[in-house]
């Protein structure tokens, strides 16, 4: 059986935490901007840290597993 939990969690978090797609921390003019497609190096770094933190929580601490087959 294949464990699809890590694949789905990583893909979902990557799409949701892409800087500028849904939100951007820090924004150009404000702390949080929504729907802004302009990114900066600082926002990429912040979103990377948030992504690594959440993926660690979901995969290691909680242990999300989805089996197919």
C-alpha atoms as a PDB file:
ATOM      1  CA  UNK A   1       0.000   0.000   0.000  1.00  0.00           C
ATOM      2  CA  UNK A   2       1.189   3.483  -0.814  1.00  0.00           C
ATOM      3  CA  UNK A   3       1.152   6.239   1.791  1.00  0.00           C
ATOM      4  CA  UNK A   4      -0.156   9.372   0.048  1.00  0.00           C
ATOM      5  CA  UNK A   5      -0.410  11.515   3.197  1.00  0.00           C
ATOM      6  CA  UNK A   6       2.984  13.256   2.893  1.00  0.00           C
ATOM      7  CA  UNK A   7       2.488  13.900  -0.820  1.00  0.00           C
ATOM      8  CA  UNK A   8      -0.947  15.464  -0.399  1.00  0.00           C
ATOM      9  CA  UNK A   9       0.013  17.520   2.659  1.00  0.00           C
ATOM     10  CA  UNK A  10       3.164  18.869   0.980  1.00  0.00           C
ATOM     11  CA  UNK A  11       1.310  19.737  -2.235  1.00  0.00           C
ATOM     12  CA  UNK A  12      -1.577  21.428  -0.414  1.00  0.00           C
ATOM     13  CA  UNK A  13       0.743  23.480   1.811  1.00  0.00           C
ATOM     14  CA  UNK A  14       2.915  24.465  -1.159  1.00  0.00           C
ATOM     15  CA  UNK A  15      -0.082  25.778  -3.098  1.00  0.00           C
ATOM     16  CA  UNK A  16      -1.608  27.594  -0.115  1.00  0.00           C
ATOM     17  CA  UNK A  17       1.680  29.129   1.069  1.00  0.00           C
ATOM     18  CA  UNK A  18       2.977  30.336  -2.283  1.00  0.00           C
ATOM     19  CA  UNK A  19       3.918  33.984  -1.580  1.00  0.00           C
ATOM     20  CA  UNK A  20       1.506  36.362  -3.254  1.00  0.00           C
ATOM     21  CA  UNK A  21      -1.086  33.795  -4.316  1.00  0.00           C
ATOM     22  CA  UNK A  22      -3.502  34.064  -1.379  1.00  0.00           C
ATOM     23  CA  UNK A  23      -1.546  36.273   0.998  1.00  0.00           C
ATOM     24  CA  UNK A  24       1.939  37.667   1.474  1.00  0.00           C
ATOM     25  CA  UNK A  25       3.813  38.247   4.737  1.00  0.00           C
ATOM     26  CA  UNK A  26       5.506  40.823   4.812  1.00  0.00           C
ATOM     27  CA  UNK A  27       3.817  42.815   2.089  1.00  0.00           C
ATOM     28  CA  UNK A  28       5.237  45.761   0.219  1.00  0.00           C
ATOM     29  CA  UNK A  29       3.045  48.398   1.884  1.00  0.00           C
ATOM     30  CA  UNK A  30       1.504  46.522   4.845  1.00  0.00           C
ATOM     31  CA  UNK A  31       2.383  43.616   7.087  1.00  0.00           C
ATOM     32  CA  UNK A  32      -0.075  41.273   5.338  1.00  0.00           C
ATOM     33  CA  UNK A  33      -1.328  41.763   1.781  1.00  0.00           C
ATOM     34  CA  UNK A  34      -3.932  39.615   0.085  1.00  0.00           C
ATOM     35  CA  UNK A  35      -3.948  38.726  -3.603  1.00  0.00           C
ATOM     36  CA  UNK A  36      -0.694  40.521  -4.332  1.00  0.00           C
ATOM     37  CA  UNK A  37       1.397  38.793  -7.004  1.00  0.00           C
ATOM     38  CA  UNK A  38       4.576  40.784  -6.301  1.00  0.00           C
ATOM     39  CA  UNK A  39       6.967  38.926  -4.007  1.00  0.00           C
ATOM     40  CA  UNK A  40      10.203  39.850  -2.295  1.00  0.00           C
ATOM     41  CA  UNK A  41      13.062  37.900  -0.809  1.00  0.00           C
ATOM     42  CA  UNK A  42      11.805  38.536   2.715  1.00  0.00           C
ATOM     43  CA  UNK A  43       8.348  37.165   1.920  1.00  0.00           C
ATOM     44  CA  UNK A  44       9.854  34.060   0.322  1.00  0.00           C
ATOM     45  CA  UNK A  45      11.929  33.470   3.464  1.00  0.00           C
ATOM     46  CA  UNK A  46       8.944  33.949   5.796  1.00  0.00           C
ATOM     47  CA  UNK A  47       6.710  31.631   3.752  1.00  0.00           C
ATOM     48  CA  UNK A  48       9.492  29.007   3.645  1.00  0.00           C
ATOM     49  CA  UNK A  49       9.813  29.026   7.427  1.00  0.00           C
ATOM     50  CA  UNK A  50       6.020  28.756   7.831  1.00  0.00           C
ATOM     51  CA  UNK A  51       5.926  25.883   5.296  1.00  0.00           C
ATOM     52  CA  UNK A  52       8.704  23.954   7.044  1.00  0.00           C
ATOM     53  CA  UNK A  53       7.053  24.439  10.420  1.00  0.00           C
ATOM     54  CA  UNK A  54       3.635  23.273   9.249  1.00  0.00           C
ATOM     55  CA  UNK A  55       4.930  20.305   7.276  1.00  0.00           C
ATOM     56  CA  UNK A  56       6.961  19.200  10.299  1.00  0.00           C
ATOM     57  CA  UNK A  57       3.888  19.400  12.513  1.00  0.00           C
ATOM     58  CA  UNK A  58       1.620  17.550  10.089  1.00  0.00           C
ATOM     59  CA  UNK A  59       4.033  14.800   9.045  1.00  0.00           C
ATOM     60  CA  UNK A  60       6.132  14.148  12.132  1.00  0.00           C
ATOM     61  CA  UNK A  61       4.123  15.325  15.159  1.00  0.00           C
ATOM     62  CA  UNK A  62       0.611  14.400  14.006  1.00  0.00           C
ATOM     63  CA  UNK A  63       1.575  11.714  11.507  1.00  0.00           C
ATOM     64  CA  UNK A  64      -0.899  12.190   8.671  1.00  0.00           C
ATOM     65  CA  UNK A  65      -1.278   8.962   6.669  1.00  0.00           C
ATOM     66  CA  UNK A  66      -3.552   8.295   3.699  1.00  0.00           C
ATOM     67  CA  UNK A  67      -3.322   4.794   2.274  1.00  0.00           C
ATOM     68  CA  UNK A  68      -4.495   3.920  -1.222  1.00  0.00           C
ATOM     69  CA  UNK A  69      -4.826   0.451  -2.636  1.00  0.00           C
END
